[in-house]
Amino acid sequence: MEEYPNPSSCSGEYVPLPVNRTKEDAIRLYDRISVIYDYLALSEVKYLERGVKLLNLQDGDMVLEIGGYGTHATFNS
């Protein structure tokens, strides 16, 4: 098995990890789980809320959300 550098190393170097599925396989997987995605993502809510709190946002502040939460509901409240 090929070894890859630890992605959490302090070198600052980005090391992509291998992908062991086709794009079509990924699409099928996400199509299957999309109907229950919000339920699955509930475990992330406390971390999202904590992250938003740490930003200490004030009225008029703007945030660019990259990647998002799937439903893009992170900053709607």
N, C-alpha and C. Protein backbone atom coordinates (compact mmCIF):
# COMPACT_ATOMS: atom_id res chain seq x y z
N MET A 1 0.84 -1.18 0.00
CA MET A 1 0.00 0.00 0.00
C MET A 1 0.89 1.25 0.00
N GLU A 2 0.55 2.19 -0.83
CA GLU A 2 1.32 3.41 -0.94
C GLU A 2 1.10 4.28 0.30
N GLU A 3 2.15 4.89 0.81
CA GLU A 3 2.03 5.74 1.99
C GLU A 3 1.95 7.20 1.56
N TYR A 4 1.13 7.96 2.29
CA TYR A 4 0.95 9.38 2.02
C TYR A 4 1.37 10.15 3.26
N PRO A 5 1.96 11.34 3.07
CA PRO A 5 2.32 12.15 4.24
C PRO A 5 1.08 12.50 5.06
N ASN A 6 1.28 12.70 6.33
CA ASN A 6 0.20 13.07 7.23
C ASN A 6 -0.34 14.45 6.83
N PRO A 7 -1.63 14.55 6.46
CA PRO A 7 -2.18 15.85 6.03
C PRO A 7 -2.21 16.87 7.16
N SER A 8 -2.09 16.43 8.41
CA SER A 8 -2.11 17.39 9.52
C SER A 8 -0.71 17.77 9.96
N SER A 9 0.30 17.47 9.14
CA SER A 9 1.67 17.82 9.51
C SER A 9 1.82 19.33 9.51
N CYS A 10 2.84 19.80 10.15
CA CYS A 10 3.05 21.24 10.30
C CYS A 10 3.79 21.86 9.13
N SER A 11 4.03 21.11 8.10
CA SER A 11 4.82 21.63 6.98
C SER A 11 4.05 22.67 6.18
N GLY A 12 2.73 22.68 6.32
CA GLY A 12 1.92 23.61 5.55
C GLY A 12 1.68 23.16 4.12
N GLU A 13 2.25 22.04 3.76
CA GLU A 13 2.10 21.51 2.41
C GLU A 13 0.77 20.78 2.29
N TYR A 14 0.01 21.09 1.25
CA TYR A 14 -1.26 20.42 0.99
C TYR A 14 -0.99 19.10 0.29
N VAL A 15 -1.50 18.03 0.85
CA VAL A 15 -1.30 16.71 0.26
C VAL A 15 -2.67 16.10 -0.03
N PRO A 16 -3.08 16.05 -1.30
CA PRO A 16 -4.38 15.45 -1.60
C PRO A 16 -4.35 13.95 -1.32
N LEU A 17 -5.44 13.47 -0.78
CA LEU A 17 -5.55 12.04 -0.50
C LEU A 17 -6.16 11.34 -1.71
N PRO A 18 -5.86 10.07 -1.88
CA PRO A 18 -6.38 9.35 -3.05
C PRO A 18 -7.90 9.17 -2.96
N VAL A 19 -8.55 9.17 -4.10
CA VAL A 19 -9.99 8.94 -4.20
C VAL A 19 -10.18 7.57 -4.81
N ASN A 20 -10.90 6.73 -4.10
CA ASN A 20 -11.06 5.35 -4.54
C ASN A 20 -12.43 5.06 -5.14
N ARG A 21 -13.07 6.07 -5.69
CA ARG A 21 -14.36 5.85 -6.35
C ARG A 21 -14.47 6.77 -7.56
N THR A 22 -15.32 6.38 -8.46
CA THR A 22 -15.52 7.19 -9.66
C THR A 22 -16.47 8.33 -9.35
N LYS A 23 -16.49 9.29 -10.23
CA LYS A 23 -17.42 10.42 -10.08
C LYS A 23 -18.87 9.90 -10.09
N GLU A 24 -19.14 8.94 -10.92
CA GLU A 24 -20.49 8.36 -11.00
C GLU A 24 -20.88 7.68 -9.69
N ASP A 25 -19.92 6.98 -9.06
CA ASP A 25 -20.18 6.36 -7.76
C ASP A 25 -20.50 7.42 -6.71
N ALA A 26 -19.76 8.51 -6.73
CA ALA A 26 -20.00 9.60 -5.78
C ALA A 26 -21.38 10.21 -5.99
N ILE A 27 -21.76 10.41 -7.24
CA ILE A 27 -23.08 10.97 -7.55
C ILE A 27 -24.18 10.05 -7.04
N ARG A 28 -24.04 8.75 -7.28
CA ARG A 28 -25.05 7.79 -6.79
C ARG A 28 -25.16 7.82 -5.27
N LEU A 29 -24.01 7.87 -4.59
CA LEU A 29 -24.02 7.93 -3.13
C LEU A 29 -24.75 9.18 -2.64
N TYR A 30 -24.39 10.34 -3.15
CA TYR A 30 -25.01 11.58 -2.69
C TYR A 30 -26.48 11.66 -3.09
N ASP A 31 -26.85 11.09 -4.21
CA ASP A 31 -28.28 11.02 -4.57
C ASP A 31 -29.05 10.19 -3.54
N ARG A 32 -28.43 9.10 -3.07
CA ARG A 32 -29.11 8.24 -2.09
C ARG A 32 -29.23 8.92 -0.72
N ILE A 33 -28.17 9.60 -0.28
CA ILE A 33 -28.22 10.17 1.07
C ILE A 33 -28.85 11.57 1.11
N SER A 34 -29.07 12.17 -0.03
CA SER A 34 -29.59 13.55 -0.03
C SER A 34 -30.96 13.66 0.65
N VAL A 35 -31.75 12.61 0.60
CA VAL A 35 -33.08 12.67 1.20
C VAL A 35 -33.02 12.72 2.73
N ILE A 36 -31.90 12.29 3.31
CA ILE A 36 -31.78 12.32 4.78
C ILE A 36 -30.59 13.17 5.22
N TYR A 37 -30.04 13.98 4.32
CA TYR A 37 -28.83 14.75 4.63
C TYR A 37 -29.01 15.66 5.84
N ASP A 38 -30.11 16.39 5.90
CA ASP A 38 -30.31 17.31 7.02
C ASP A 38 -30.31 16.56 8.35
N TYR A 39 -30.91 15.40 8.37
CA TYR A 39 -30.92 14.60 9.60
C TYR A 39 -29.50 14.15 9.96
N LEU A 40 -28.74 13.70 8.97
CA LEU A 40 -27.37 13.27 9.22
C LEU A 40 -26.49 14.42 9.69
N ALA A 41 -26.76 15.61 9.20
CA ALA A 41 -25.93 16.77 9.53
C ALA A 41 -26.25 17.38 10.89
N LEU A 42 -27.28 16.90 11.56
CA LEU A 42 -27.62 17.45 12.88
C LEU A 42 -26.45 17.35 13.85
N SER A 43 -25.62 16.35 13.69
CA SER A 43 -24.48 16.19 14.60
C SER A 43 -23.47 17.33 14.45
N GLU A 44 -23.54 18.08 13.35
CA GLU A 44 -22.61 19.17 13.11
C GLU A 44 -23.10 20.50 13.65
N VAL A 45 -24.37 20.58 14.02
CA VAL A 45 -24.99 21.86 14.38
C VAL A 45 -24.25 22.55 15.51
N LYS A 46 -23.91 21.83 16.57
CA LYS A 46 -23.26 22.49 17.70
C LYS A 46 -21.91 23.09 17.30
N TYR A 47 -21.21 22.45 16.39
CA TYR A 47 -19.92 22.98 15.94
C TYR A 47 -20.12 24.20 15.05
N LEU A 48 -21.14 24.17 14.21
CA LEU A 48 -21.44 25.33 13.37
C LEU A 48 -21.83 26.53 14.23
N GLU A 49 -22.70 26.29 15.21
CA GLU A 49 -23.13 27.38 16.09
C GLU A 49 -21.93 27.95 16.86
N ARG A 50 -21.05 27.09 17.32
CA ARG A 50 -19.86 27.55 18.05
C ARG A 50 -18.96 28.37 17.13
N GLY A 51 -18.77 27.90 15.92
CA GLY A 51 -17.95 28.65 14.96
C GLY A 51 -18.52 30.01 14.65
N VAL A 52 -19.82 30.09 14.45
CA VAL A 52 -20.47 31.37 14.18
C VAL A 52 -20.32 32.29 15.38
N LYS A 53 -20.49 31.75 16.58
CA LYS A 53 -20.34 32.56 17.80
C LYS A 53 -18.92 33.12 17.90
N LEU A 54 -17.93 32.31 17.59
CA LEU A 54 -16.53 32.76 17.67
C LEU A 54 -16.23 33.89 16.69
N LEU A 55 -17.01 33.97 15.61
CA LEU A 55 -16.81 35.06 14.64
C LEU A 55 -17.20 36.42 15.23
N ASN A 56 -18.06 36.39 16.26
CA ASN A 56 -18.50 37.63 16.91
C ASN A 56 -19.02 38.63 15.87
N LEU A 57 -19.92 38.17 15.03
CA LEU A 57 -20.45 39.01 13.96
C LEU A 57 -21.28 40.16 14.51
N GLN A 58 -21.16 41.30 13.86
CA GLN A 58 -21.92 42.49 14.22
C GLN A 58 -22.84 42.84 13.05
N ASP A 59 -23.90 43.62 13.34
CA ASP A 59 -24.80 44.06 12.27
C ASP A 59 -23.98 44.69 11.15
N GLY A 60 -24.26 44.29 9.94
CA GLY A 60 -23.57 44.83 8.78
C GLY A 60 -22.36 44.03 8.35
N ASP A 61 -21.88 43.10 9.20
CA ASP A 61 -20.76 42.25 8.81
C ASP A 61 -21.18 41.33 7.68
N MET A 62 -20.23 41.01 6.83
CA MET A 62 -20.50 40.10 5.72
C MET A 62 -19.62 38.87 5.86
N VAL A 63 -20.16 37.72 5.47
CA VAL A 63 -19.43 36.46 5.57
C VAL A 63 -19.55 35.74 4.24
N LEU A 64 -18.43 35.27 3.74
CA LEU A 64 -18.43 34.42 2.55
C LEU A 64 -18.32 32.99 3.03
N GLU A 65 -19.38 32.24 2.85
CA GLU A 65 -19.39 30.84 3.26
C GLU A 65 -18.98 29.98 2.08
N ILE A 66 -17.87 29.28 2.23
CA ILE A 66 -17.35 28.43 1.15
C ILE A 66 -17.55 26.98 1.55
N GLY A 67 -18.14 26.23 0.68
CA GLY A 67 -18.42 24.83 0.98
C GLY A 67 -19.82 24.69 1.54
N GLY A 68 -20.06 25.36 2.60
CA GLY A 68 -21.40 25.41 3.15
C GLY A 68 -21.81 24.18 3.92
N TYR A 69 -22.97 24.25 4.41
CA TYR A 69 -23.55 23.25 5.28
C TYR A 69 -24.47 22.33 4.51
N GLY A 70 -24.53 22.50 3.22
CA GLY A 70 -25.44 21.69 2.42
C GLY A 70 -26.72 22.45 2.16
N THR A 71 -27.37 22.89 3.24
CA THR A 71 -28.60 23.64 3.10
C THR A 71 -28.33 25.14 3.09
N HIS A 72 -27.09 25.52 3.29
CA HIS A 72 -26.67 26.92 3.35
C HIS A 72 -27.45 27.68 4.42
N ALA A 73 -27.78 27.01 5.49
CA ALA A 73 -28.56 27.61 6.58
C ALA A 73 -27.69 28.13 7.71
N THR A 74 -26.38 28.05 7.57
CA THR A 74 -25.48 28.41 8.66
C THR A 74 -25.68 29.85 9.11
N PHE A 75 -25.80 30.78 8.20
CA PHE A 75 -25.87 32.18 8.56
C PHE A 75 -27.26 32.77 8.37
N ASN A 76 -28.27 31.96 8.23
CA ASN A 76 -29.62 32.48 8.03
C ASN A 76 -30.26 32.95 9.32
N SER A 77 -29.74 32.55 10.47
CA SER A 77 -30.38 32.93 11.72
C SER A 77 -29.72 34.09 12.39
